[in-house]
Protein backbone atom coordinates (compact mmCIF):
# COMPACT_ATOMS: atom_id res chain seq x y z
CA MET A 1 103.47 -90.52 -158.54
CA LYS A 2 105.55 -92.91 -156.66
CA LEU A 3 102.62 -94.56 -155.21
CA LEU A 4 100.46 -94.47 -158.26
CA LYS A 5 103.63 -96.34 -159.88
CA SER A 6 103.85 -98.82 -157.39
CA ILE A 7 100.53 -99.95 -157.41
CA LEU A 8 100.68 -100.08 -161.29
CA GLN A 9 103.25 -102.43 -161.18
CA ASN A 10 101.90 -104.52 -158.25
CA PRO A 11 100.07 -108.03 -158.65
CA VAL A 12 97.45 -106.51 -156.30
CA PHE A 13 96.57 -104.18 -158.83
CA ARG A 14 94.32 -106.21 -160.73
CA ILE A 15 92.20 -106.70 -157.55
CA THR A 16 92.46 -103.35 -156.31
CA SER A 17 91.22 -102.42 -159.92
CA THR A 18 88.03 -104.33 -160.13
CA ASN A 19 87.48 -103.81 -156.57
CA SER A 20 87.39 -99.91 -157.29
CA VAL A 21 84.40 -100.94 -159.40
CA SER A 22 82.57 -102.58 -156.76
CA VAL A 23 83.32 -99.30 -154.48
CA MET A 24 82.08 -96.81 -157.26
CA ILE A 25 78.82 -98.92 -157.66
CA ARG A 26 78.90 -98.89 -153.61
CA ILE A 27 79.19 -95.12 -153.43
CA VAL A 28 76.73 -94.24 -156.34
CA THR A 29 74.23 -96.85 -155.22
CA GLY A 30 74.29 -95.41 -151.48
CA LEU A 31 74.15 -91.66 -153.07
CA VAL A 32 71.37 -92.36 -154.79
CA SER A 33 69.15 -94.07 -152.03
CA THR A 34 70.36 -91.38 -149.58
CA SER A 35 68.98 -88.85 -151.60
CA VAL A 36 65.48 -90.52 -151.93
CA VAL A 37 65.48 -90.84 -148.74
CA ALA A 38 66.14 -87.65 -148.01
CA LYS A 39 63.80 -86.42 -150.61
CA ILE A 40 60.97 -88.33 -149.44
CA LEU A 41 61.24 -88.81 -145.58
CA GLY A 42 62.93 -85.91 -144.37
CA PRO A 43 65.63 -85.61 -141.77
CA SER A 44 63.24 -87.27 -139.51
CA GLY A 45 63.54 -90.44 -141.89
CA VAL A 46 66.86 -90.04 -141.87
CA ALA A 47 67.62 -89.57 -138.56
CA LEU A 48 65.05 -92.73 -137.61
CA LEU A 49 67.23 -94.99 -140.15
CA GLY A 50 70.52 -93.90 -138.47
CA ASN A 51 69.21 -95.37 -135.25
CA LEU A 52 68.53 -98.64 -137.21
CA ARG A 53 71.46 -99.07 -138.75
CA ASN A 54 73.75 -98.41 -135.90
CA PHE A 55 71.55 -101.00 -134.08
CA ILE A 56 72.13 -103.87 -136.96
CA THR A 57 75.91 -102.99 -137.00
CA SER A 58 75.97 -103.99 -133.45
CA LEU A 59 73.73 -106.76 -133.96
CA GLU A 60 75.92 -107.86 -136.99
CA THR A 61 79.09 -107.64 -135.20
CA PHE A 62 78.08 -109.77 -132.49
CA SER A 63 76.11 -112.75 -134.65
CA THR A 64 79.79 -112.90 -136.62
CA LEU A 65 81.84 -112.58 -133.59
CA GLY A 66 84.26 -110.37 -135.42
CA PHE A 67 85.68 -113.48 -136.58
CA ASN A 68 85.53 -112.21 -140.98
CA ASN A 69 89.50 -111.39 -141.10
CA GLY A 70 90.70 -114.16 -139.02
CA ILE A 71 88.50 -116.45 -141.36
CA VAL A 72 90.09 -115.34 -144.33
CA LYS A 73 93.56 -116.14 -142.85
CA TYR A 74 92.72 -119.28 -141.59
CA VAL A 75 91.21 -120.56 -144.88
CA ALA A 76 94.18 -119.26 -146.36
CA GLN A 77 96.35 -120.78 -144.52
CA HIS A 78 95.50 -124.26 -144.17
CA GLN A 79 93.52 -125.00 -147.96
CA LYS A 80 95.73 -127.57 -148.51
CA ASP A 81 95.70 -129.50 -145.60
CA GLU A 82 91.91 -130.73 -145.72
CA GLU A 83 91.42 -132.08 -142.18
CA ARG A 84 92.51 -128.99 -140.89
CA LEU A 85 90.43 -126.62 -142.97
CA THR A 86 87.54 -128.95 -142.52
CA LYS A 87 87.67 -128.53 -139.08
CA VAL A 88 87.96 -124.42 -139.47
CA ILE A 89 85.51 -124.29 -141.79
CA SER A 90 83.22 -126.28 -139.43
CA THR A 91 83.87 -124.80 -136.37
CA VAL A 92 83.23 -121.60 -137.57
CA PHE A 93 79.82 -122.46 -139.15
CA TRP A 94 78.46 -123.69 -136.17
CA SER A 95 79.76 -120.91 -134.00
CA LEU A 96 78.02 -118.47 -136.19
CA LEU A 97 74.92 -120.48 -136.46
CA ILE A 98 74.55 -121.17 -132.81
CA ALA A 99 75.43 -117.00 -131.93
CA SER A 100 73.37 -115.63 -134.41
CA ILE A 101 70.24 -117.65 -133.37
CA THR A 102 70.85 -116.85 -129.67
CA LEU A 103 71.35 -113.34 -130.46
CA ALA A 104 68.13 -112.89 -132.86
CA LEU A 105 65.41 -114.48 -130.37
CA PRO A 106 65.50 -111.89 -127.63
CA VAL A 107 65.32 -109.21 -130.81
CA PHE A 108 62.41 -111.27 -131.96
CA VAL A 109 60.77 -112.01 -128.53
CA PHE A 110 60.96 -108.58 -127.21
CA ALA A 111 60.26 -106.47 -129.90
CA GLU A 112 58.73 -103.77 -128.59
CA TYR A 113 61.20 -103.25 -125.85
CA TRP A 114 63.97 -102.80 -128.73
CA ASN A 115 61.28 -100.56 -130.94
CA ASN A 116 60.80 -98.02 -127.81
CA ARG A 117 64.44 -98.00 -127.18
CA ILE A 118 65.85 -97.60 -130.61
CA PHE A 119 62.89 -95.24 -131.79
CA GLY A 120 61.11 -94.11 -128.81
CA GLU A 121 57.12 -94.75 -127.58
CA GLU A 122 55.72 -92.72 -130.41
CA TYR A 123 56.61 -95.04 -133.00
CA ASP A 124 55.46 -98.44 -133.66
CA PHE A 125 57.79 -100.60 -135.97
CA GLU A 126 58.10 -103.57 -134.00
CA ILE A 127 57.62 -105.59 -137.42
CA VAL A 128 60.97 -104.05 -138.32
CA PHE A 129 62.61 -105.59 -135.53
CA ARG A 130 60.89 -109.50 -135.88
CA VAL A 131 62.44 -109.03 -139.66
CA VAL A 132 65.78 -108.14 -138.37
CA ALA A 133 66.13 -110.89 -135.92
CA LEU A 134 64.70 -113.40 -138.76
CA SER A 135 67.38 -112.29 -141.14
CA LEU A 136 70.39 -112.21 -138.66
CA PRO A 137 71.30 -115.59 -139.00
CA LEU A 138 71.42 -115.18 -143.13
CA PHE A 139 74.03 -112.06 -142.48
CA ALA A 140 75.76 -114.51 -140.53
CA LEU A 141 75.94 -117.09 -143.34
CA ASN A 142 76.68 -114.65 -145.97
CA LEU A 143 79.75 -113.27 -144.41
CA PHE A 144 80.67 -117.22 -143.69
CA LEU A 145 80.16 -117.73 -147.29
CA ILE A 146 82.37 -114.71 -148.11
CA ALA A 147 85.14 -115.16 -146.25
CA VAL A 148 85.80 -118.56 -147.20
CA VAL A 149 85.49 -117.85 -150.61
CA ASN A 150 87.66 -114.92 -150.35
CA GLY A 151 90.24 -117.28 -148.14
CA PHE A 152 90.45 -119.10 -151.19
CA SER A 153 91.82 -116.62 -153.30
CA GLN A 154 88.77 -116.15 -154.89
CA PHE A 155 88.82 -112.37 -155.02
CA LYS A 156 87.01 -111.55 -158.82
CA LYS A 157 83.77 -114.16 -157.38
CA VAL A 158 83.82 -112.21 -154.47
CA ILE A 159 83.99 -108.46 -155.76
CA LEU A 160 81.24 -109.37 -158.45
CA ILE A 161 79.15 -110.89 -155.47
CA ASN A 162 79.37 -107.55 -153.56
CA ILE A 163 78.59 -105.74 -157.04
CA ALA A 164 75.54 -107.80 -157.90
CA GLY A 165 74.06 -107.69 -153.82
CA ASN A 166 74.70 -104.25 -153.70
CA VAL A 167 72.32 -103.61 -157.03
CA ILE A 168 69.87 -105.94 -155.96
CA GLY A 169 70.08 -104.51 -152.50
CA PHE A 170 69.76 -101.08 -153.61
CA VAL A 171 66.89 -101.36 -156.34
CA PHE A 172 64.67 -103.32 -153.58
CA SER A 173 65.37 -100.48 -151.06
CA ILE A 174 64.20 -97.91 -153.41
CA LEU A 175 61.00 -99.73 -154.37
CA MET A 176 59.74 -100.43 -150.44
CA ILE A 177 60.71 -96.59 -150.32
CA LEU A 178 58.57 -95.55 -152.56
CA LYS A 179 55.49 -98.07 -151.79
CA TYR A 180 55.47 -97.59 -147.83
CA GLN A 181 57.82 -94.37 -147.56
CA THR A 182 59.16 -94.88 -144.06
CA MET A 183 58.17 -98.58 -142.91
CA GLY A 184 59.76 -99.24 -146.26
CA ALA A 185 62.71 -98.16 -145.68
CA LEU A 186 62.81 -99.39 -141.82
CA LEU A 187 61.70 -102.91 -143.66
CA ALA A 188 64.49 -102.88 -146.46
CA MET A 189 67.18 -102.44 -144.35
CA GLY A 190 66.28 -105.85 -142.08
CA ILE A 191 65.50 -107.77 -145.60
CA VAL A 192 68.39 -107.11 -147.87
CA PRO A 193 70.81 -108.78 -145.22
CA GLY A 194 68.34 -111.80 -146.21
CA LEU A 195 68.60 -111.35 -149.76
CA LEU A 196 72.46 -111.05 -149.81
CA PHE A 197 72.71 -114.32 -148.77
CA LEU A 198 70.25 -116.14 -151.50
CA VAL A 199 72.95 -114.14 -153.99
CA SER A 200 75.91 -115.51 -152.28
CA TRP A 201 74.69 -118.85 -152.00
CA LEU A 202 73.48 -119.47 -155.70
CA TRP A 203 76.62 -117.75 -156.80
CA ILE A 204 78.95 -119.84 -154.70
CA SER A 205 77.16 -123.01 -154.74
CA LYS A 206 77.99 -123.55 -158.40
CA SER A 207 81.54 -124.02 -157.62
CA LEU A 208 82.09 -124.68 -154.21
CA ASP A 209 81.04 -127.41 -152.42
CA LEU A 210 81.26 -126.28 -148.96
CA LYS A 211 78.89 -129.36 -147.76
CA LYS A 212 81.93 -131.41 -147.62
CA TYR A 213 83.75 -129.25 -145.12
CA ILE A 214 80.77 -128.52 -142.53
CA ARG A 215 80.59 -131.37 -140.34
CA LYS A 216 79.22 -131.64 -136.53
CA GLY A 217 82.09 -133.61 -135.14
CA PHE A 218 84.70 -131.21 -136.57
CA PHE A 219 84.13 -128.81 -133.95
CA ASP A 220 88.26 -127.33 -132.29
CA PHE A 221 88.42 -124.98 -129.41
CA GLU A 222 91.54 -124.26 -130.84
CA VAL A 223 90.13 -122.34 -133.62
CA ILE A 224 88.00 -120.60 -131.79
CA LYS A 225 91.16 -119.25 -129.61
CA ASN A 226 92.95 -118.65 -132.55
CA LEU A 227 90.07 -116.26 -133.82
CA SER A 228 89.60 -114.43 -130.50
CA SER A 229 92.17 -111.67 -130.60
CA TYR A 230 90.48 -110.99 -134.15
CA SER A 231 86.92 -111.37 -132.02
CA LEU A 232 87.86 -108.80 -129.54
CA MET A 233 89.41 -105.97 -131.81
CA ALA A 234 86.39 -106.44 -134.12
CA VAL A 235 83.71 -106.28 -131.14
CA VAL A 236 85.18 -103.18 -129.34
CA SER A 237 85.56 -101.07 -132.74
CA ALA A 238 82.43 -102.48 -134.81
CA PHE A 239 80.03 -102.65 -131.95
CA CYS A 240 81.31 -99.76 -129.36
CA LEU A 241 81.62 -97.23 -131.73
CA PRO A 242 77.80 -97.58 -133.66
CA ILE A 243 76.22 -98.30 -130.15
CA ILE A 244 78.09 -94.71 -128.86
CA TYR A 245 76.67 -92.99 -132.10
CA LEU A 246 73.22 -94.23 -131.47
CA GLN A 247 73.49 -92.95 -127.94
CA ILE A 248 74.14 -89.56 -129.21
CA ARG A 249 71.68 -89.32 -131.87
CA THR A 250 69.07 -90.45 -129.34
CA GLU A 251 69.87 -87.66 -127.08
CA ALA A 252 70.01 -85.48 -129.79
CA ILE A 253 66.77 -85.90 -130.69
CA ASP A 254 65.81 -85.20 -126.92
CA ASN A 255 68.28 -81.64 -126.66
CA LEU A 256 67.95 -80.58 -130.44
CA GLY A 257 64.98 -82.26 -132.32
CA ILE A 258 64.72 -84.97 -134.79
CA ASP A 259 65.44 -82.83 -137.72
CA ASN A 260 68.43 -81.27 -135.98
CA ALA A 261 69.25 -84.95 -135.46
CA GLY A 262 68.58 -86.00 -139.03
CA ASN A 263 70.89 -83.30 -140.49
CA TRP A 264 73.66 -84.40 -138.11
CA GLU A 265 72.96 -88.60 -139.77
CA ALA A 266 72.73 -86.94 -143.28
CA MET A 267 76.80 -84.95 -142.62
CA ASN A 268 77.77 -88.32 -141.27
CA ARG A 269 76.62 -90.29 -144.24
CA LEU A 270 77.81 -88.08 -147.28
CA ALA A 271 81.57 -88.24 -145.51
CA SER A 272 80.86 -92.20 -144.85
CA PHE A 273 81.01 -92.07 -148.90
CA TYR A 274 83.87 -90.28 -149.91
CA MET A 275 85.56 -91.66 -146.45
CA MET A 276 85.45 -95.01 -148.75
CA PHE A 277 87.94 -94.55 -150.58
CA ILE A 278 90.41 -94.18 -148.36
CA SER A 279 89.31 -97.41 -146.28
CA THR A 280 89.49 -99.34 -149.58
CA LEU A 281 92.88 -97.99 -150.74
CA LEU A 282 94.13 -98.88 -146.93
CA SER A 283 92.40 -102.34 -146.77
CA VAL A 284 93.52 -103.19 -150.10
CA TYR A 285 97.42 -101.83 -150.55
CA PHE A 286 98.53 -100.51 -147.42
CA PHE A 287 97.47 -103.23 -144.68
CA PRO A 288 99.19 -106.28 -146.64
CA LYS A 289 102.27 -104.00 -146.87
CA LEU A 290 102.11 -103.37 -142.96
CA SER A 291 101.56 -107.21 -142.55
CA GLN A 292 104.78 -108.26 -144.06
CA SER A 293 107.04 -105.25 -142.83
CA THR A 294 109.71 -106.76 -140.65
CA SER A 295 111.26 -103.68 -139.41
CA ASN A 296 110.73 -100.11 -138.61
CA ALA A 297 112.45 -98.64 -141.54
CA GLN A 298 110.28 -100.52 -143.82
CA THR A 299 107.24 -99.27 -141.65
CA ARG A 300 108.18 -95.68 -141.36
CA SER A 301 108.57 -96.05 -145.46
CA ILE A 302 104.76 -97.26 -146.05
CA PHE A 303 103.77 -94.50 -143.82
CA GLY A 304 105.62 -92.16 -145.70
CA ASP A 305 103.95 -93.47 -149.13
CA TYR A 306 100.88 -92.57 -147.29
CA TYR A 307 101.46 -89.34 -146.24
CA LYS A 308 102.82 -87.94 -149.07
CA ASN A 309 100.55 -89.14 -151.47
CA VAL A 310 97.27 -90.15 -149.85
CA VAL A 311 96.96 -87.40 -147.59
CA PRO A 312 97.60 -84.89 -150.01
CA MET A 313 94.74 -86.46 -152.55
CA PHE A 314 92.25 -85.99 -149.51
CA ILE A 315 93.06 -81.87 -149.07
CA ILE A 316 92.78 -81.97 -152.78
CA GLY A 317 89.41 -83.74 -152.79
CA GLY A 318 87.92 -81.77 -149.41
CA LEU A 319 88.50 -78.28 -150.80
CA VAL A 320 86.77 -79.53 -154.08
CA LEU A 321 84.15 -80.56 -151.79
CA TYR A 322 83.84 -77.55 -149.48
CA PHE A 323 83.57 -75.25 -152.38
CA SER A 324 80.47 -77.46 -154.39
CA ARG A 325 78.98 -77.96 -150.78
CA ASN A 326 75.96 -75.93 -151.57
CA PHE A 327 75.40 -78.09 -155.22
CA LEU A 328 76.35 -81.34 -153.60
CA ILE A 329 73.51 -80.74 -150.75
CA GLN A 330 70.80 -79.61 -153.12
CA LEU A 331 71.62 -82.55 -155.73
CA ILE A 332 71.16 -85.25 -152.84
CA TYR A 333 68.88 -83.94 -150.36
CA SER A 334 66.75 -81.27 -150.25
CA ASP A 335 65.97 -77.59 -148.66
CA LYS A 336 65.00 -79.54 -145.37
CA PHE A 337 69.03 -79.90 -145.21
CA LEU A 338 69.88 -76.01 -145.07
CA VAL A 339 71.99 -76.39 -142.23
CA LEU A 340 74.22 -78.71 -143.65
CA PRO A 341 77.05 -75.93 -145.24
CA ASP A 342 77.69 -75.09 -141.88
CA LEU A 343 79.10 -78.19 -140.86
CA PHE A 344 81.56 -79.03 -143.87
CA SER A 345 84.40 -77.09 -142.27
CA TRP A 346 84.35 -78.98 -138.73
CA GLN A 347 83.29 -82.32 -140.80
CA LEU A 348 86.31 -81.92 -143.46
CA ILE A 349 89.01 -81.06 -140.40
CA GLY A 350 87.92 -83.78 -138.47
CA ASP A 351 88.47 -86.61 -141.07
CA PHE A 352 91.61 -84.58 -142.32
CA PHE A 353 92.70 -85.74 -138.78
CA LYS A 354 90.88 -89.15 -139.18
CA VAL A 355 92.57 -89.74 -142.20
CA CYS A 356 95.99 -88.99 -140.68
CA SER A 357 95.16 -91.45 -137.95
CA LEU A 358 94.14 -94.38 -139.93
CA ILE A 359 97.34 -95.58 -141.20
CA LEU A 360 98.50 -95.63 -137.94
CA GLY A 361 95.48 -97.58 -136.68
CA TYR A 362 96.15 -100.18 -138.85
CA GLN A 363 99.03 -101.05 -137.39
CA PHE A 364 97.44 -102.52 -134.39
CA PHE A 365 96.07 -105.03 -136.55
CA ALA A 366 99.05 -105.46 -138.54
CA LYS A 367 101.01 -106.73 -135.58
CA ARG A 368 97.78 -108.28 -133.52
CA MET A 369 98.21 -105.31 -130.75
CA THR A 370 95.20 -105.76 -129.31
CA LYS A 371 95.49 -104.24 -125.94
CA ALA A 372 96.74 -101.01 -127.26
CA PHE A 373 93.97 -100.86 -129.98
CA ILE A 374 91.17 -101.77 -127.30
CA ALA A 375 92.76 -99.07 -124.84
CA THR A 376 92.59 -96.45 -127.77
CA GLN A 377 89.60 -97.60 -128.88
CA ILE A 378 87.89 -96.88 -125.57
CA LEU A 379 89.36 -93.50 -124.54
CA SER A 380 88.16 -92.00 -128.15
CA ILE A 381 84.98 -93.19 -127.73
CA ILE A 382 84.75 -91.59 -124.13
CA ILE A 383 86.18 -88.28 -125.48
CA LEU A 384 83.32 -88.74 -128.77
CA TYR A 385 80.72 -89.37 -126.03
CA PHE A 386 81.33 -86.45 -123.48
CA SER A 387 82.42 -83.87 -125.91
CA SER A 388 79.42 -84.53 -128.09
CA ASN A 389 76.73 -84.06 -125.37
CA LEU A 390 78.71 -81.06 -123.74
CA LEU A 391 79.15 -79.03 -127.33
CA MET A 392 75.78 -79.76 -128.41
CA LYS A 393 73.96 -78.14 -125.70
CA SER A 394 76.23 -75.14 -126.28
CA HIS A 395 76.46 -74.99 -130.03
CA GLY A 396 73.61 -77.28 -131.02
CA VAL A 397 73.90 -79.58 -134.35
CA GLU A 398 77.35 -77.86 -134.86
CA GLY A 399 78.70 -79.04 -131.63
CA LEU A 400 78.35 -82.54 -132.69
CA VAL A 401 80.50 -82.02 -135.86
CA ILE A 402 83.42 -80.20 -133.54
CA ALA A 403 83.27 -83.11 -131.41
CA HIS A 404 84.27 -85.32 -134.03
CA THR A 405 87.13 -83.05 -134.96
CA ILE A 406 88.35 -82.73 -131.24
CA THR A 407 88.03 -86.43 -130.86
CA TYR A 408 90.01 -87.43 -134.04
CA PHE A 409 92.41 -85.08 -133.25
CA LEU A 410 93.16 -86.21 -129.66
CA TYR A 411 93.57 -89.70 -131.45
CA LEU A 412 95.63 -88.28 -133.97
CA LEU A 413 97.87 -87.55 -131.04
CA VAL A 414 97.99 -90.33 -128.93
CA LEU A 415 98.94 -92.55 -132.06
CA LEU A 416 101.75 -90.32 -132.61
CA LEU A 417 102.83 -90.66 -129.13
CA MET A 418 102.53 -94.55 -129.54
CA PHE A 419 104.29 -94.81 -133.04
CA GLY A 420 106.58 -91.86 -132.93
CA ASN A 421 109.86 -93.89 -132.28
CA ILE A 422 108.88 -95.23 -135.88
CA ILE A 423 107.79 -92.24 -137.57
CA PHE A 424 110.55 -89.98 -136.32
CA LYS A 425 113.67 -92.05 -135.59
CA LYS A 426 115.91 -93.04 -137.89
CA LYS A 427 116.84 -96.51 -136.43
CA PRO A 428 115.80 -99.54 -138.64
């Protein structure tokens, strides 16, 4: 295949191939932990974990100010200018530390409120939110460490840290689930970010002295200004969507029952694993190419490679998943999730539209089209929320998956209208 040949001949292939090991480990550990949760805790436990996961994702986005991609870019850009590099690293460090502590305080103090809001008054998991609050600054610092090392182009070290972190987090989570059931699973979700920080710090501190770059007097508002566009896009995508999913799942629990909400979350979790391959290929291979393209012709060629090679691979993989769905559900989940086979067709159709739209969505990041990105994200979130509420009342849990399909179909249409001049016209 043309794409495969070009990847093999590209210097980035060595990074991609090593990263594939990390992705496979994430998928395998994720599937095993999901299976353990499903078999031990059942659909209700899956639903509760889904609510906490969405809540933590939103917190983490704000605690890191959406700086991740920007940190990598500016560290790489200024790594030969020590004074400028010190300003970038110091400014980011103090910003993330202040933001994460500021956000953690109300989570810790008002743990009872968050418990009632996220889980409902019938559950008593206040301690979980206090643990999450204590771990939040450590998560922000872990992202800071990884992004700085990534900016220094130490890709292999970043990948190895991720692998070690995934394995340690997986083992710890399984032990907590086996010993403390639902409480253990929820606590593990809050504690693991702190463990990941320790892994990163122990690994990185041996080869990189970050202390010399972190100084109190080197706070530069110009750095914050430069990072703001990345922050805005990250906050909209990584904060708003989890909040909407949390709200939809909460309403699904009220309208359809916690087991049905758990079935929907189980379908989403399974989809997230096979979509990981696509997102990794996009971020490692296609995104850098889109960022470097200087003409519509070059961009059109990149889009063409994606649609001619990646999309057909997804279709083939999707068909395999569809026809083996009963086996997969029995392997990963249990008899309590028998409704899942009925959700596969709509989920895969929706994910097909999602895969077709992802490459176009990356054009927003590649060309820093902040306003257009925010507008399309808000539109898709509105469509998802209202279609989910409408269809769950008429079609039950299947309606939630139909809403997913409708959302990404309309999102793809909008992006095709926006980038049609690049895709369909032959002008340079």
